[in-house]
Amino acid sequence: MERSHPDMHNHILSKSLFAVNRYSGELNTSIPGIEIVFESMLSYISAWKNGIRQASAMYSPLYQRDVQQLCRKLYGSSEVFRGGSGQR
C-alpha cells in the first residue's frame, strides 16, 4: 500500500497507534524498512507462563496499569473508565 497508494497509507498511519504486548524491557522484533513508533507497552507478566488462566491474569496490577495508559492514549480521558457515554 505504501507504494501503490501512498496517500491512503499515510492517512492510515496517521490514525494508527502501535502497542507492544508482553514488553520485557527490550524490543526483539522489527519490521525491515518501516519505522514504527510504539506508543504503548503492555508489560510481560512472568506469572502468565506458569499456566495461570488468562481471565485471572488480566487482573495483574502491572497489566491493568498499562491497559489504562493505552486507553487514555486512545480516548484522551478517563471517561472510558467510568463507563463513558457509549458514543465512541
Protein backbone atom coordinates (compact mmCIF):
# COMPACT_ATOMS: atom_id res chain seq x y z
CA MET A 1 0.00 0.00 0.00
CA GLU A 2 2.91 2.31 0.72
CA ARG A 3 3.97 2.16 -2.94
CA SER A 4 0.62 1.79 -4.70
CA HIS A 5 -1.48 4.20 -2.56
CA PRO A 6 0.91 6.41 -0.59
CA ASP A 7 -1.77 8.96 0.38
CA MET A 8 -4.01 6.26 1.82
CA HIS A 9 -1.05 4.62 3.52
CA ASN A 10 -0.05 7.89 5.20
CA HIS A 11 -3.64 8.59 6.20
CA ILE A 12 -3.98 5.18 7.85
CA LEU A 13 -0.63 5.54 9.63
CA SER A 14 -1.63 8.96 10.93
CA LYS A 15 -4.67 7.34 12.59
CA SER A 16 -2.80 4.31 13.92
CA LEU A 17 -1.37 3.65 17.35
CA PHE A 18 1.08 0.79 17.79
CA ALA A 19 1.42 -1.12 21.05
CA VAL A 20 3.80 -3.85 22.16
CA ASN A 21 2.30 -6.75 24.09
CA ARG A 22 4.40 -8.69 26.60
CA TYR A 23 7.08 -5.99 26.78
CA SER A 24 10.03 -7.18 28.88
CA GLY A 25 12.32 -4.18 28.62
CA GLU A 26 13.65 -4.53 25.09
CA LEU A 27 12.17 -4.89 21.64
CA ASN A 28 13.21 -8.11 19.95
CA THR A 29 11.41 -7.66 16.65
CA SER A 30 11.36 -5.06 13.95
CA ILE A 31 9.87 -4.71 10.51
CA PRO A 32 12.58 -4.01 7.92
CA GLY A 33 12.12 -0.78 6.02
CA ILE A 34 9.33 0.51 8.25
CA GLU A 35 9.92 2.88 11.10
CA ILE A 36 7.17 2.29 13.64
CA VAL A 37 6.89 4.30 16.82
CA PHE A 38 5.36 2.28 19.63
CA GLU A 39 3.05 4.45 21.71
CA SER A 40 2.30 1.92 24.41
CA MET A 41 3.97 -1.03 26.10
CA LEU A 42 1.93 -3.76 27.77
CA SER A 43 4.18 -5.38 30.36
CA TYR A 44 5.20 -9.01 30.25
CA ILE A 45 3.79 -10.74 33.32
CA SER A 46 6.06 -13.68 34.18
CA ALA A 47 3.31 -15.46 36.15
CA TRP A 48 1.45 -15.97 32.86
CA LYS A 49 3.95 -18.59 31.74
CA ASN A 50 3.06 -20.69 34.80
CA GLY A 51 -0.33 -21.61 33.37
CA ILE A 52 -2.47 -19.02 35.11
CA ARG A 53 -5.84 -18.80 33.42
CA GLN A 54 -6.00 -15.82 31.08
CA ALA A 55 -9.09 -14.39 32.77
CA SER A 56 -7.36 -14.11 36.14
CA ALA A 57 -4.11 -12.91 34.56
CA MET A 58 -5.93 -9.80 33.33
CA TYR A 59 -6.13 -8.65 36.95
CA SER A 60 -2.38 -8.17 37.26
CA PRO A 61 -1.82 -4.62 38.60
CA LEU A 62 1.01 -4.03 36.09
CA TYR A 63 -1.09 -5.17 33.15
CA GLN A 64 -4.10 -3.13 34.25
CA ARG A 65 -1.90 -0.03 34.64
CA ASP A 66 -0.55 -0.47 31.12
CA VAL A 67 -4.01 -1.06 29.63
CA GLN A 68 -5.31 2.07 31.38
CA GLN A 69 -2.44 4.10 29.91
CA LEU A 70 -3.23 2.68 26.46
CA CYS A 71 -6.91 3.58 26.85
CA ARG A 72 -6.01 7.12 27.87
CA LYS A 73 -3.94 7.47 24.70
CA LEU A 74 -6.79 6.09 22.60
CA TYR A 75 -9.64 8.00 24.21
CA GLY A 76 -7.85 11.06 25.59
CA SER A 77 -9.52 10.99 29.00
CA SER A 78 -10.50 8.78 31.88
CA GLU A 79 -14.12 8.86 30.63
CA VAL A 80 -13.75 5.31 29.34
CA PHE A 81 -13.05 4.04 32.87
CA ARG A 82 -16.32 5.41 34.20
CA GLY A 83 -18.40 3.79 31.53
CA GLY A 84 -18.21 6.68 29.08
CA SER A 85 -21.14 7.88 27.07
CA GLY A 86 -21.27 4.84 24.80
CA GLN A 87 -20.77 7.05 21.74
CA ARG A 88 -17.15 6.18 20.99
